[in-house]
Amino acid sequence: MPDDNSQNDISGGHLVAKALKAEGVEVIYTLCGGHIIDIYDGCVDEGIDVVDVRHEQVAAHAADGYARITGKPGCAVVTAGPGTTDAVTGVANAFRAESPMLLIGGQGAHTQHKMGSLQDLPHVDMMTPITKFAATVPDTARAADMVSMAFRECYHGAPGPSFLEIPRDVLDAKVPADRARVPEAGRYRASTRSAGDPEAVEKLADLLVHAEKPAILLGSQVWTTRGTEAAVELVRALNVPAYMNGAGRGTLPPGDPHHFQLSRRYAFSNADLIVIVGTPFDFRMGYGKRLSPNATVVQIDLDYRTVGKNRDIDLGIVGDAGLILKSVTEAASGHAFPGYGNGGAARRKEWIDELRAAEQSAIEKRLPSLKSDASPIHPYRLVSEINDFLTEDSVYIGDGGDIVTFSGQVVQPRSPGHWMDPGPLGTLGVGIPFVLAAKQARPDKEVVALFGDGAFSLTGWDFETLVRYDLPFVGIVGNNSSMNQIRYGQKAKYGQERERVGNTLGDVPYDQFARMLGGHGEEVRDPADIAPALRRARESGKPSLINVWVDPDAYAPGTMNQTMYK
């Protein structure tokens, strides 16, 4: 006879699902495997959607994308061994991009430990260097507790990914419900919003008030902390020209008098005060060497390890970008700085005008290419058409090398949180999984994705997942049949006779690929046909791919300036 208490028993998979529900997780991205199916059973009971994809890398990237678009942690669930190793790239990308997500991987049973069970690998050892927390769940009763522990660690300092492996016997076993700790929603982790050192905030306010030529870079952490409103208030109140990168793009709308894009190098060479918000001094910043040695440099970041790394600074503030910027604006407008309105913000008009002139000069330099009628199509013309096509509700996703480098100089999202790219790991293949996450999380938004042909081919089969889940988006493949960013480097280093080694792709008609999988597809060879094709893709109500043949001999300035090729 069954135990009278068996109806009060709960399995490890169901405990995991309860912990996910407590964290607010609404969907898990997964590729099935025998080690993990009890989690599915628990998710069904908890009302969590189970979205199945064709490759575990896609599951991990989608969890990353979900976190970026919603502000809540994403979750991917994969089987042991190759299932977990397939997801490594997605976890690594989230690690460098400071994106909070949990990867749950299967593992062989404890009873078969070190016996060579199916798909047995040392997952925790492999994941430790690329996560903020990696552990094995040792006992069924601890399953929910350790999921909540992993989520807690995702938000320690700058956000990032965590990893849990759960042995099959731990996951499938049942324990009395009263033996298991199931953390209650909202009661198992503290607020991570730190307003920074008050004295440092006052000092930054003083610096901003008295600067003649200030400039501010609003990085991804402005969006991560949902600090858009505070950032906008600061630059407008203090009349500070603002540059944006990563997920910080869209903080200010195009056309805003404080929105600058193409004059950043000029600004950073001539400013007397440079404030860097939520951006490390990594390769994108020339490791800090692109900032004037004569400027006062201030860095604001969630992670104390980032502040002052690679370049000395004059002031560092650790904490939440939104809270810090709000406090700085309040301090600057207070009684501590009488007359700041006339002596600070007003006298910066000449500096603003100087930067606007540099901005216009850069635009005019590119104008012939932006309007080019050449065929094959110039990449600048393609990205210019895409920029014109975007609306305030368009989430733009860039997935590629050279073609996305072109777009970074031209495409301007109209709203905060409407720009997605891999981040500093430079991972190709994020496009389709980011589309999946963005469209599921925000079905009210239009999603527009630009792919390089090489990037699309890495995860493109999950276009079928978008068709299966009826998730329409406008996709564009800038097709030059090459991994063109690398091709440029090889040509520069080894000469024209060796430029095509290992980087040339076939002439793939991606429009036919889209139609084969049930989506909308078109081919474009004439630049005049780009805008009509984009409109038809929007109107199709289907996942779409517009295959645009672009000039393989046109390279983005950012590609040609990469230090690795010099």
Protein backbone atom coordinates (compact mmCIF):
# COMPACT_ATOMS: atom_id res chain seq x y z
CA MET A 1 0.00 0.00 0.00
CA PRO A 2 1.25 3.53 -0.74
CA ASP A 3 2.43 5.68 2.11
CA ASP A 4 -0.43 7.85 3.46
CA ASN A 5 1.89 10.85 3.21
CA SER A 6 2.86 10.22 -0.43
CA GLN A 7 0.37 12.81 -1.63
CA ASN A 8 2.40 15.41 0.27
CA ASP A 9 5.66 14.36 -1.35
CA ILE A 10 7.23 16.58 -3.99
CA SER A 11 9.87 15.82 -6.60
CA GLY A 12 13.07 17.72 -7.29
CA GLY A 13 11.78 18.91 -10.66
CA HIS A 14 8.65 20.34 -9.08
CA LEU A 15 10.72 22.08 -6.41
CA VAL A 16 12.83 23.66 -9.14
CA ALA A 17 9.70 24.89 -10.88
CA LYS A 18 8.34 26.39 -7.65
CA ALA A 19 11.59 28.30 -7.15
CA LEU A 20 11.52 29.57 -10.74
CA LYS A 21 7.96 30.74 -10.19
CA ALA A 22 8.98 32.56 -7.00
CA GLU A 23 11.65 34.43 -8.98
CA GLY A 24 9.05 35.51 -11.55
CA VAL A 25 10.33 33.30 -14.37
CA GLU A 26 7.56 32.93 -16.96
CA VAL A 27 9.35 30.82 -19.57
CA ILE A 28 12.23 28.37 -19.78
CA TYR A 29 14.16 27.78 -23.00
CA THR A 30 15.20 24.19 -23.48
CA LEU A 31 16.16 21.27 -25.66
CA CYS A 32 14.82 18.07 -24.19
CA GLY A 33 16.85 15.31 -22.55
CA GLY A 34 16.11 12.42 -20.25
CA HIS A 35 17.97 14.01 -17.34
CA ILE A 36 15.71 17.07 -17.09
CA ILE A 37 12.11 16.17 -17.96
CA ASP A 38 10.84 16.32 -14.37
CA ILE A 39 11.48 20.08 -14.49
CA TYR A 40 9.10 20.24 -17.46
CA ASP A 41 6.44 18.43 -15.45
CA GLY A 42 6.86 20.94 -12.64
CA CYS A 43 6.74 23.92 -15.02
CA VAL A 44 3.44 22.70 -16.47
CA ASP A 45 1.95 22.63 -12.97
CA GLU A 46 3.35 26.08 -12.14
CA GLY A 47 2.17 27.70 -15.38
CA ILE A 48 5.69 28.30 -16.73
CA ASP A 49 5.97 28.06 -20.52
CA VAL A 50 8.37 25.45 -21.87
CA VAL A 51 9.84 26.67 -25.18
CA ASP A 52 11.77 24.02 -27.07
CA VAL A 53 14.51 25.01 -29.50
CA ARG A 54 16.80 23.14 -31.90
CA HIS A 55 20.16 23.84 -30.25
CA GLU A 56 21.18 24.45 -26.66
CA GLN A 57 23.24 27.50 -27.62
CA VAL A 58 19.96 29.06 -28.76
CA ALA A 59 18.33 28.21 -25.41
CA ALA A 60 21.11 29.96 -23.49
CA HIS A 61 21.15 33.02 -25.77
CA ALA A 62 17.36 33.27 -25.50
CA ALA A 63 17.56 33.23 -21.70
CA ASP A 64 20.15 36.02 -21.93
CA GLY A 65 17.92 37.97 -24.33
CA TYR A 66 14.88 37.49 -22.10
CA ALA A 67 16.77 39.00 -19.17
CA ARG A 68 17.81 42.02 -21.22
CA ILE A 69 14.36 42.78 -22.56
CA THR A 70 12.39 42.20 -19.34
CA GLY A 71 14.77 43.08 -16.53
CA LYS A 72 14.00 39.71 -14.94
CA PRO A 73 16.43 36.79 -14.97
CA GLY A 74 16.19 34.35 -17.86
CA CYS A 75 16.36 30.58 -17.52
CA ALA A 76 17.55 27.81 -19.82
CA VAL A 77 17.33 24.11 -19.03
CA VAL A 78 19.53 21.61 -20.89
CA THR A 79 20.50 18.01 -20.54
CA ALA A 80 23.86 16.70 -19.34
CA GLY A 81 27.12 16.40 -21.27
CA PRO A 82 26.80 17.79 -24.80
CA GLY A 83 23.58 19.55 -23.85
CA THR A 84 25.45 21.57 -21.26
CA THR A 85 28.57 22.09 -23.35
CA ASP A 86 26.43 23.31 -26.26
CA ALA A 87 25.10 26.02 -23.92
CA VAL A 88 28.55 27.20 -22.81
CA THR A 89 28.80 29.91 -25.47
CA GLY A 90 25.46 31.42 -24.46
CA VAL A 91 26.48 31.48 -20.80
CA ALA A 92 29.86 33.02 -21.64
CA ASN A 93 28.17 35.70 -23.71
CA ALA A 94 25.83 36.55 -20.81
CA PHE A 95 28.85 36.66 -18.47
CA ARG A 96 30.66 39.30 -20.51
CA ALA A 97 27.41 41.20 -21.19
CA GLU A 98 26.45 41.26 -17.48
CA SER A 99 23.13 39.56 -18.15
CA PRO A 100 21.40 37.69 -15.28
CA MET A 101 20.33 34.19 -16.25
CA LEU A 102 20.29 30.71 -14.78
CA LEU A 103 21.38 27.67 -16.74
CA ILE A 104 20.22 24.37 -15.27
CA GLY A 105 22.03 21.32 -16.58
CA GLY A 106 21.36 17.65 -16.04
CA GLN A 107 23.85 15.18 -14.59
CA GLY A 108 24.12 11.46 -14.14
CA ALA A 109 22.77 9.92 -10.94
CA HIS A 110 24.78 10.26 -7.73
CA THR A 111 24.73 6.45 -7.50
CA GLN A 112 26.70 6.34 -10.78
CA HIS A 113 29.21 9.04 -9.82
CA LYS A 114 32.57 8.50 -11.58
CA MET A 115 31.26 5.30 -13.19
CA GLY A 116 31.01 6.71 -16.72
CA SER A 117 27.27 7.29 -16.84
CA LEU A 118 25.62 8.62 -19.99
CA GLN A 119 26.75 12.19 -20.77
CA ASP A 120 28.71 12.53 -17.52
CA LEU A 121 31.09 15.53 -17.51
CA PRO A 122 32.51 17.86 -14.83
CA HIS A 123 30.03 20.61 -15.64
CA VAL A 124 30.61 22.70 -12.53
CA ASP A 125 34.35 22.84 -13.14
CA MET A 126 33.72 23.94 -16.72
CA MET A 127 31.15 26.59 -15.82
CA THR A 128 32.89 28.15 -12.80
CA PRO A 129 35.12 30.58 -14.78
CA ILE A 130 32.19 31.97 -16.82
CA THR A 131 29.53 32.31 -14.13
CA LYS A 132 29.02 34.17 -10.89
CA PHE A 133 27.99 30.93 -9.20
CA ALA A 134 28.18 27.26 -10.20
CA ALA A 135 27.19 24.29 -8.03
CA THR A 136 25.66 20.83 -7.84
CA VAL A 137 22.34 20.31 -6.09
CA PRO A 138 23.30 17.62 -3.54
CA ASP A 139 19.88 16.60 -2.26
CA THR A 140 16.28 16.77 -3.47
CA ALA A 141 15.15 18.77 -0.45
CA ARG A 142 17.72 21.48 -1.37
CA ALA A 143 16.56 21.90 -5.01
CA ALA A 144 14.39 25.01 -4.58
CA ASP A 145 16.77 26.51 -2.03
CA MET A 146 19.72 26.26 -4.39
CA VAL A 147 17.78 27.73 -7.30
CA SER A 148 17.06 30.78 -5.15
CA MET A 149 20.73 30.85 -4.07
CA ALA A 150 21.78 30.87 -7.72
CA PHE A 151 19.45 33.76 -8.50
CA ARG A 152 20.81 35.68 -5.51
CA GLU A 153 24.32 35.33 -6.89
CA CYS A 154 23.19 36.56 -10.32
CA TYR A 155 22.75 39.99 -8.76
CA HIS A 156 25.91 40.24 -6.67
CA GLY A 157 27.67 43.35 -8.03
CA ALA A 158 27.16 43.60 -11.77
CA PRO A 159 24.61 41.01 -12.91
CA GLY A 160 25.63 37.78 -14.59
CA PRO A 161 24.79 34.11 -15.11
CA SER A 162 24.65 31.24 -12.63
CA PHE A 163 24.76 27.49 -13.26
CA LEU A 164 23.26 24.55 -11.41
CA GLU A 165 23.66 20.90 -12.29
CA ILE A 166 21.11 18.49 -10.88
CA PRO A 167 21.85 14.76 -10.83
CA ARG A 168 19.03 12.67 -12.30
CA ASP A 169 18.26 10.80 -9.08
CA VAL A 170 18.15 14.08 -7.14
CA LEU A 171 15.78 15.61 -9.67
CA ASP A 172 13.42 12.64 -9.97
CA ALA A 173 13.29 11.70 -6.27
CA LYS A 174 10.49 12.83 -4.00
CA VAL A 175 10.71 14.15 -0.46
CA PRO A 176 8.05 15.19 2.06
CA ALA A 177 7.04 18.74 1.20
CA ASP A 178 7.73 19.91 4.74
CA ARG A 179 11.36 18.79 4.44
CA ALA A 180 12.05 21.09 1.51
CA ARG A 181 12.68 24.82 1.87
CA VAL A 182 10.79 26.67 -0.85
CA PRO A 183 11.76 30.35 -0.66
CA GLU A 184 8.84 32.76 -0.77
CA ALA A 185 8.65 35.25 -3.62
CA GLY A 186 10.28 38.57 -2.74
CA ARG A 187 11.66 37.35 0.58
CA TYR A 188 14.92 35.58 -0.16
CA ARG A 189 17.21 38.24 -1.59
CA ALA A 190 17.94 41.86 -0.74
CA SER A 191 17.69 44.93 -2.91
CA THR A 192 20.91 45.39 -4.84
CA ARG A 193 20.32 49.08 -5.60
CA SER A 194 23.19 51.05 -4.08
CA ALA A 195 23.15 54.83 -4.39
CA GLY A 196 26.94 55.12 -4.11
CA ASP A 197 29.16 57.07 -1.73
CA PRO A 198 27.36 60.37 -0.91
CA GLU A 199 30.65 62.30 -0.76
CA ALA A 200 31.63 61.02 -4.21
CA VAL A 201 28.20 61.98 -5.55
CA GLU A 202 28.66 65.52 -4.24
CA LYS A 203 32.12 65.70 -5.78
CA LEU A 204 30.82 64.58 -9.20
CA ALA A 205 28.04 67.17 -9.02
CA ASP A 206 30.68 69.84 -8.33
CA LEU A 207 32.81 68.63 -11.25
CA LEU A 208 29.86 68.72 -13.64
CA VAL A 209 28.77 72.19 -12.57
CA HIS A 210 32.23 73.69 -13.09
CA ALA A 211 33.28 71.80 -16.23
CA GLU A 212 33.64 73.82 -19.43
CA LYS A 213 33.52 70.86 -21.81
CA PRO A 214 31.90 67.82 -20.18
CA ALA A 215 30.82 64.63 -21.96
CA ILE A 216 29.05 61.54 -20.68
CA LEU A 217 28.96 57.99 -22.02
CA LEU A 218 25.80 56.11 -21.07
CA GLY A 219 26.54 52.38 -21.24
CA SER A 220 24.55 49.20 -20.87
CA GLN A 221 24.16 49.50 -17.10
CA VAL A 222 21.92 52.54 -17.59
CA TRP A 223 19.38 50.13 -19.12
CA THR A 224 20.26 47.26 -16.77
CA THR A 225 19.39 49.44 -13.78
CA ARG A 226 16.43 51.00 -15.61
CA GLY A 227 18.09 54.35 -15.03
CA THR A 228 16.95 55.96 -18.29
CA GLU A 229 14.84 58.68 -16.70
CA ALA A 230 17.63 59.70 -14.32
CA ALA A 231 20.18 59.81 -17.15
CA VAL A 232 17.95 61.95 -19.34
CA GLU A 233 17.20 64.31 -16.46
CA LEU A 234 20.92 64.79 -15.75
CA VAL A 235 22.04 65.55 -19.31
CA ARG A 236 19.17 67.99 -19.85
CA ALA A 237 19.43 69.75 -16.50
CA LEU A 238 23.20 70.16 -16.74
CA ASN A 239 23.40 70.56 -20.53
CA VAL A 240 25.84 67.68 -21.01
CA PRO A 241 26.37 66.05 -24.44
CA ALA A 242 25.66 62.33 -24.21
CA TYR A 243 27.00 59.33 -26.11
CA MET A 244 25.46 55.88 -25.79
CA ASN A 245 26.73 52.38 -26.35
CA GLY A 246 25.47 48.82 -25.94
CA ALA A 247 22.06 48.57 -24.35
CA GLY A 248 22.38 52.24 -23.38
CA ARG A 249 21.51 53.16 -26.97
CA GLY A 250 18.07 54.72 -27.13
CA THR A 251 18.40 56.42 -23.74
CA LEU A 252 17.95 59.67 -25.64
CA PRO A 253 15.90 59.65 -28.84
CA PRO A 254 17.45 60.66 -32.16
CA GLY A 255 17.14 64.39 -32.69
CA ASP A 256 17.42 65.21 -29.00
CA PRO A 257 19.77 68.20 -28.63
CA HIS A 258 21.94 66.19 -26.22
CA HIS A 259 22.06 63.01 -28.37
CA PHE A 260 25.42 62.54 -30.09
CA GLN A 261 26.78 59.51 -31.93
CA LEU A 262 29.52 60.13 -34.50
CA SER A 263 31.61 62.76 -32.71
CA ARG A 264 32.61 60.62 -29.72
CA ARG A 265 36.29 60.41 -30.56
CA TYR A 266 36.41 64.20 -31.00
CA ALA A 267 34.59 64.73 -27.70
CA PHE A 268 36.80 62.36 -25.76
CA SER A 269 39.91 64.04 -27.18
CA ASN A 270 38.79 67.56 -26.27
CA ALA A 271 36.58 67.30 -23.18
CA ASP A 272 37.77 68.53 -19.80
CA LEU A 273 35.45 66.14 -17.91
CA ILE A 274 34.43 62.67 -19.10
CA VAL A 275 31.90 60.60 -17.16
CA ILE A 276 31.79 56.90 -18.07
CA VAL A 277 28.63 55.15 -16.86
CA GLY A 278 28.35 51.37 -16.85
CA THR A 279 31.04 50.66 -19.45
CA PRO A 280 34.42 49.04 -18.77
CA PHE A 281 37.67 50.28 -20.25
CA ASP A 282 37.83 47.29 -22.58
CA PHE A 283 38.69 46.99 -26.28
CA ARG A 284 35.65 49.09 -27.23
CA MET A 285 37.14 51.98 -25.29
CA GLY A 286 40.71 51.41 -26.42
CA TYR A 287 41.36 50.23 -22.85
CA GLY A 288 40.87 53.83 -21.75
CA LYS A 289 43.57 55.24 -24.01
CA ARG A 290 41.05 57.06 -26.23
CA LEU A 291 40.22 59.47 -23.42
CA SER A 292 42.15 62.72 -23.28
CA PRO A 293 45.03 62.47 -20.79
CA ASN A 294 44.18 66.03 -19.73
CA ALA A 295 40.53 65.30 -18.93
CA THR A 296 39.13 64.60 -15.48
CA VAL A 297 37.72 61.07 -15.75
CA VAL A 298 34.89 59.72 -13.61
CA GLN A 299 33.68 56.12 -13.76
CA ILE A 300 30.38 54.78 -12.40
CA ASP A 301 29.83 51.03 -12.31
CA LEU A 302 27.96 48.29 -10.47
CA ASP A 303 31.18 46.31 -10.02
CA TYR A 304 34.05 47.75 -8.01
CA ARG A 305 36.49 45.55 -9.99
CA THR A 306 35.68 47.46 -13.18
CA VAL A 307 36.31 50.91 -11.76
CA GLY A 308 39.82 52.08 -12.62
CA LYS A 309 40.69 48.89 -14.49
CA ASN A 310 43.15 49.48 -17.38
CA ARG A 311 43.21 53.27 -16.82
CA ASP A 312 43.61 55.56 -13.84
CA ILE A 313 40.58 57.67 -12.96
CA ASP A 314 40.00 60.80 -10.91
CA LEU A 315 36.82 59.59 -9.24
CA GLY A 316 35.10 56.19 -9.06
CA ILE A 317 31.60 55.51 -7.78
CA VAL A 318 30.25 52.00 -7.28
CA GLY A 319 26.52 51.52 -7.42
CA ASP A 320 23.28 51.68 -9.36
CA ALA A 321 23.62 54.03 -12.34
CA GLY A 322 20.07 55.34 -12.12
CA LEU A 323 20.21 56.13 -8.42
CA ILE A 324 23.65 57.73 -8.68
CA LEU A 325 22.76 59.94 -11.65
CA LYS A 326 19.54 61.04 -9.94
CA SER A 327 21.49 61.96 -6.80
CA VAL A 328 24.08 63.87 -8.81
CA THR A 329 21.40 65.95 -10.53
CA GLU A 330 19.77 66.76 -7.18
CA ALA A 331 23.10 67.71 -5.64
CA ALA A 332 24.02 69.93 -8.58
CA SER A 333 20.74 71.81 -8.43
CA GLY A 334 20.90 72.34 -4.67
CA HIS A 335 22.18 75.18 -2.54
CA ALA A 336 25.72 73.83 -2.58
CA PHE A 337 26.32 75.43 -6.00
CA PRO A 338 24.62 78.82 -6.18
CA GLY A 339 24.30 80.22 -9.67
CA TYR A 340 25.03 76.92 -11.39
CA GLY A 341 22.23 77.51 -13.90
CA ASN A 342 24.07 80.50 -15.41
CA GLY A 343 27.65 79.55 -14.68
CA GLY A 344 27.40 75.85 -15.53
CA ALA A 345 24.79 74.69 -18.01
CA ALA A 346 24.27 77.92 -19.95
CA ARG A 347 27.91 78.50 -20.85
CA ARG A 348 28.17 75.08 -22.53
CA LYS A 349 26.34 76.18 -25.66
CA GLU A 350 29.59 76.74 -27.55
CA TRP A 351 30.79 73.23 -26.64
CA ILE A 352 27.51 71.70 -27.73
CA ASP A 353 27.67 73.62 -31.03
CA GLU A 354 31.27 72.50 -31.55
CA LEU A 355 30.30 68.84 -31.14
CA ARG A 356 27.24 69.25 -33.36
CA ALA A 357 29.49 70.59 -36.11
CA ALA A 358 31.81 67.58 -35.74
CA GLU A 359 28.75 65.32 -35.84
CA GLN A 360 27.45 66.93 -39.03
CA SER A 361 30.86 66.70 -40.68
CA ALA A 362 30.94 62.95 -40.03
CA ILE A 363 27.43 62.53 -41.44
CA GLU A 364 28.29 64.45 -44.60
CA LYS A 365 31.39 62.34 -45.09
CA ARG A 366 29.22 59.20 -45.15
CA LEU A 367 26.32 60.71 -47.08
CA PRO A 368 27.35 59.50 -50.56
CA SER A 369 27.48 55.90 -49.29
CA LEU A 370 24.25 56.26 -47.30
CA LYS A 371 22.44 57.31 -50.50
CA SER A 372 24.42 55.13 -52.91
CA ASP A 373 22.51 53.53 -55.80
CA ALA A 374 25.35 51.11 -56.51
CA SER A 375 24.81 47.40 -57.06
CA PRO A 376 25.96 45.28 -55.25
CA ILE A 377 24.38 47.38 -52.52
CA HIS A 378 26.64 49.42 -50.27
CA PRO A 379 26.19 48.33 -46.62
CA TYR A 380 25.74 51.96 -45.57
CA ARG A 381 22.73 52.22 -47.90
CA LEU A 382 21.23 49.07 -46.38
CA VAL A 383 21.61 50.19 -42.76
CA SER A 384 20.37 53.68 -43.64
CA GLU A 385 17.19 52.15 -45.07
CA ILE A 386 16.78 50.04 -41.93
CA ASN A 387 17.20 53.09 -39.72
CA ASP A 388 14.52 54.96 -41.67
CA PHE A 389 12.22 51.92 -41.34
CA LEU A 390 12.33 51.74 -37.53
CA THR A 391 9.50 53.07 -35.39
CA GLU A 392 9.36 53.92 -31.69
CA ASP A 393 8.18 50.35 -31.08
CA SER A 394 10.94 48.62 -33.09
CA VAL A 395 13.43 46.55 -31.10
CA TYR A 396 16.60 46.40 -33.20
CA ILE A 397 18.87 43.36 -32.98
CA GLY A 398 22.31 43.22 -34.58
CA ASP A 399 23.99 39.86 -35.18
CA GLY A 400 27.13 39.90 -37.27
CA GLY A 401 30.58 41.31 -37.81
CA ASP A 402 31.23 43.91 -40.48
CA ILE A 403 27.58 44.53 -41.41
CA VAL A 404 26.60 45.18 -37.79
CA THR A 405 29.64 47.45 -37.38
CA PHE A 406 28.18 49.53 -40.22
CA SER A 407 24.83 49.61 -38.45
CA GLY A 408 26.35 50.79 -35.19
CA GLN A 409 27.20 54.12 -36.82
CA VAL A 410 23.82 54.65 -38.46
CA VAL A 411 20.98 52.79 -36.74
CA GLN A 412 19.46 54.76 -33.88
CA PRO A 413 16.78 53.08 -31.74
CA ARG A 414 13.91 55.39 -30.95
CA SER A 415 13.32 54.22 -27.37
CA PRO A 416 15.34 52.88 -24.41
CA GLY A 417 15.84 49.12 -24.26
CA HIS A 418 15.26 48.79 -28.00
CA TRP A 419 18.85 47.89 -29.00
CA MET A 420 20.27 44.38 -28.60
CA ASP A 421 23.69 43.16 -29.66
CA PRO A 422 25.94 40.38 -28.33
CA GLY A 423 28.01 42.62 -26.08
CA PRO A 424 31.76 42.53 -25.56
CA LEU A 425 32.22 38.80 -26.22
CA GLY A 426 31.30 39.53 -29.85
CA THR A 427 29.38 36.27 -30.20
CA LEU A 428 27.89 35.54 -33.60
CA GLY A 429 24.59 33.68 -33.64
CA VAL A 430 22.67 35.65 -30.99
CA GLY A 431 20.19 37.07 -33.50
CA ILE A 432 17.53 34.37 -33.82
CA PRO A 433 17.49 33.52 -30.07
CA PHE A 434 17.29 37.23 -29.19
CA VAL A 435 14.36 37.56 -31.61
CA LEU A 436 12.71 34.58 -29.92
CA ALA A 437 13.09 36.09 -26.45
CA ALA A 438 12.19 39.65 -27.41
CA LYS A 439 9.07 38.73 -29.35
CA GLN A 440 7.83 36.35 -26.65
CA ALA A 441 8.48 38.77 -23.83
CA ARG A 442 7.14 41.81 -25.69
CA PRO A 443 4.63 40.65 -28.33
CA ASP A 444 3.46 44.27 -28.64
CA LYS A 445 6.85 45.29 -30.06
CA GLU A 446 8.07 44.99 -33.63
CA VAL A 447 11.39 43.16 -33.81
CA VAL A 448 13.84 44.04 -36.59
CA ALA A 449 17.02 41.98 -36.86
CA LEU A 450 20.04 42.48 -39.10
CA PHE A 451 22.24 39.43 -39.67
CA GLY A 452 25.52 38.89 -41.38
CA ASP A 453 25.23 35.80 -43.56
CA GLY A 454 27.93 34.07 -41.52
CA ALA A 455 26.26 34.94 -38.22
CA PHE A 456 22.81 33.79 -39.34
CA SER A 457 24.12 30.39 -40.40
CA LEU A 458 25.27 29.57 -36.85
CA THR A 459 21.80 29.41 -35.27
CA GLY A 460 19.53 30.00 -38.26
CA TRP A 461 17.71 26.67 -38.07
CA ASP A 462 15.77 28.06 -35.11
CA PHE A 463 14.00 30.29 -37.61
CA GLU A 464 11.69 27.26 -37.66
CA THR A 465 11.08 27.76 -33.92
CA LEU A 466 9.85 31.29 -34.66
CA VAL A 467 7.51 29.90 -37.32
CA ARG A 468 6.29 27.15 -34.99
CA TYR A 469 5.50 29.65 -32.21
CA ASP A 470 4.07 32.20 -34.67
CA LEU A 471 6.50 34.98 -33.76
CA PRO A 472 6.67 37.43 -36.66
CA PHE A 473 9.71 39.65 -37.12
CA VAL A 474 11.48 41.55 -39.88
CA GLY A 475 14.82 39.90 -40.62
CA ILE A 476 17.47 41.18 -43.02
CA VAL A 477 20.55 39.24 -44.10
CA GLY A 478 23.38 41.45 -45.36
CA ASN A 479 24.80 38.81 -47.67
CA ASN A 480 28.32 39.14 -49.06
CA SER A 481 29.11 35.41 -49.03
CA SER A 482 31.99 36.09 -46.67
CA MET A 483 33.08 36.41 -43.08
CA ASN A 484 34.05 39.87 -44.22
CA GLN A 485 35.44 41.36 -41.03
CA ILE A 486 38.07 38.62 -40.90
CA ARG A 487 38.62 38.77 -44.64
CA TYR A 488 39.61 42.42 -44.31
CA GLY A 489 42.12 41.59 -41.61
CA GLN A 490 43.69 38.81 -43.64
CA LYS A 491 44.01 41.08 -46.64
CA ALA A 492 45.59 43.81 -44.53
CA LYS A 493 48.09 41.44 -42.89
CA TYR A 494 48.91 38.92 -45.61
CA GLY A 495 48.03 40.56 -48.92
CA GLN A 496 45.31 40.11 -51.51
CA GLU A 497 46.46 36.70 -52.65
CA ARG A 498 45.65 35.27 -49.18
CA GLU A 499 42.59 37.29 -48.26
CA ARG A 500 40.16 34.46 -49.05
CA VAL A 501 41.65 31.71 -46.90
CA GLY A 502 39.05 30.20 -44.56
CA ASN A 503 36.48 33.00 -44.75
CA THR A 504 34.51 32.58 -47.97
CA LEU A 505 30.95 31.27 -47.83
CA GLY A 506 28.59 30.00 -50.51
CA ASP A 507 26.04 32.22 -52.22
CA VAL A 508 23.12 31.09 -50.06
CA PRO A 509 19.60 32.34 -50.96
CA TYR A 510 18.34 32.91 -47.43
CA ASP A 511 15.01 34.14 -48.74
CA GLN A 512 14.35 30.62 -50.05
CA PHE A 513 15.43 29.17 -46.70
CA ALA A 514 12.81 31.33 -44.96
CA ARG A 515 10.07 30.26 -47.35
CA MET A 516 11.05 26.60 -47.00
CA LEU A 517 10.49 26.82 -43.25
CA GLY A 518 7.12 28.57 -43.59
CA GLY A 519 8.20 32.20 -43.32
CA HIS A 520 8.28 35.17 -45.66
CA GLY A 521 11.34 35.59 -47.89
CA GLU A 522 12.50 38.05 -50.53
CA GLU A 523 15.70 38.73 -52.45
CA VAL A 524 16.99 42.28 -53.02
CA ARG A 525 19.73 43.33 -55.43
CA ASP A 526 18.66 46.91 -56.21
CA PRO A 527 18.86 49.46 -53.37
CA ALA A 528 15.57 50.99 -54.47
CA ASP A 529 13.88 47.71 -53.56
CA ILE A 530 15.03 47.64 -49.92
CA ALA A 531 12.30 49.86 -48.43
CA PRO A 532 9.40 48.14 -50.25
CA ALA A 533 10.75 44.73 -49.21
CA LEU A 534 10.95 45.84 -45.58
CA ARG A 535 7.35 47.04 -45.69
CA ARG A 536 6.15 43.77 -47.22
CA ALA A 537 7.97 41.80 -44.54
CA ARG A 538 6.26 43.89 -41.85
CA GLU A 539 2.88 43.36 -43.47
CA SER A 540 3.37 39.60 -43.96
CA GLY A 541 2.73 38.85 -40.29
CA LYS A 542 5.33 36.08 -40.50
CA PRO A 543 8.94 35.52 -39.50
CA SER A 544 10.80 36.95 -42.47
CA LEU A 545 14.19 37.11 -44.13
CA ILE A 546 15.11 39.65 -46.76
CA ASN A 547 18.27 38.46 -48.48
CA VAL A 548 20.15 41.64 -49.48
CA TRP A 549 23.24 41.17 -51.63
CA VAL A 550 25.77 43.72 -50.36
CA ASP A 551 29.15 44.77 -51.73
CA PRO A 552 31.81 42.35 -50.44
CA ASP A 553 34.55 44.96 -51.02
CA ALA A 554 33.04 47.61 -48.73
CA TYR A 555 34.31 47.53 -45.15
CA ALA A 556 33.12 49.43 -42.09
CA PRO A 557 35.53 52.00 -40.63
CA GLY A 558 35.33 50.14 -37.32
CA THR A 559 36.54 46.98 -39.06
CA MET A 560 39.46 48.77 -40.70
CA ASN A 561 40.47 50.40 -37.42
CA GLN A 562 40.63 47.22 -35.35
CA THR A 563 43.97 47.03 -33.59
CA MET A 564 44.33 43.29 -34.14
CA TYR A 565 44.93 43.94 -37.83
CA LYS A 566 47.67 46.51 -37.33
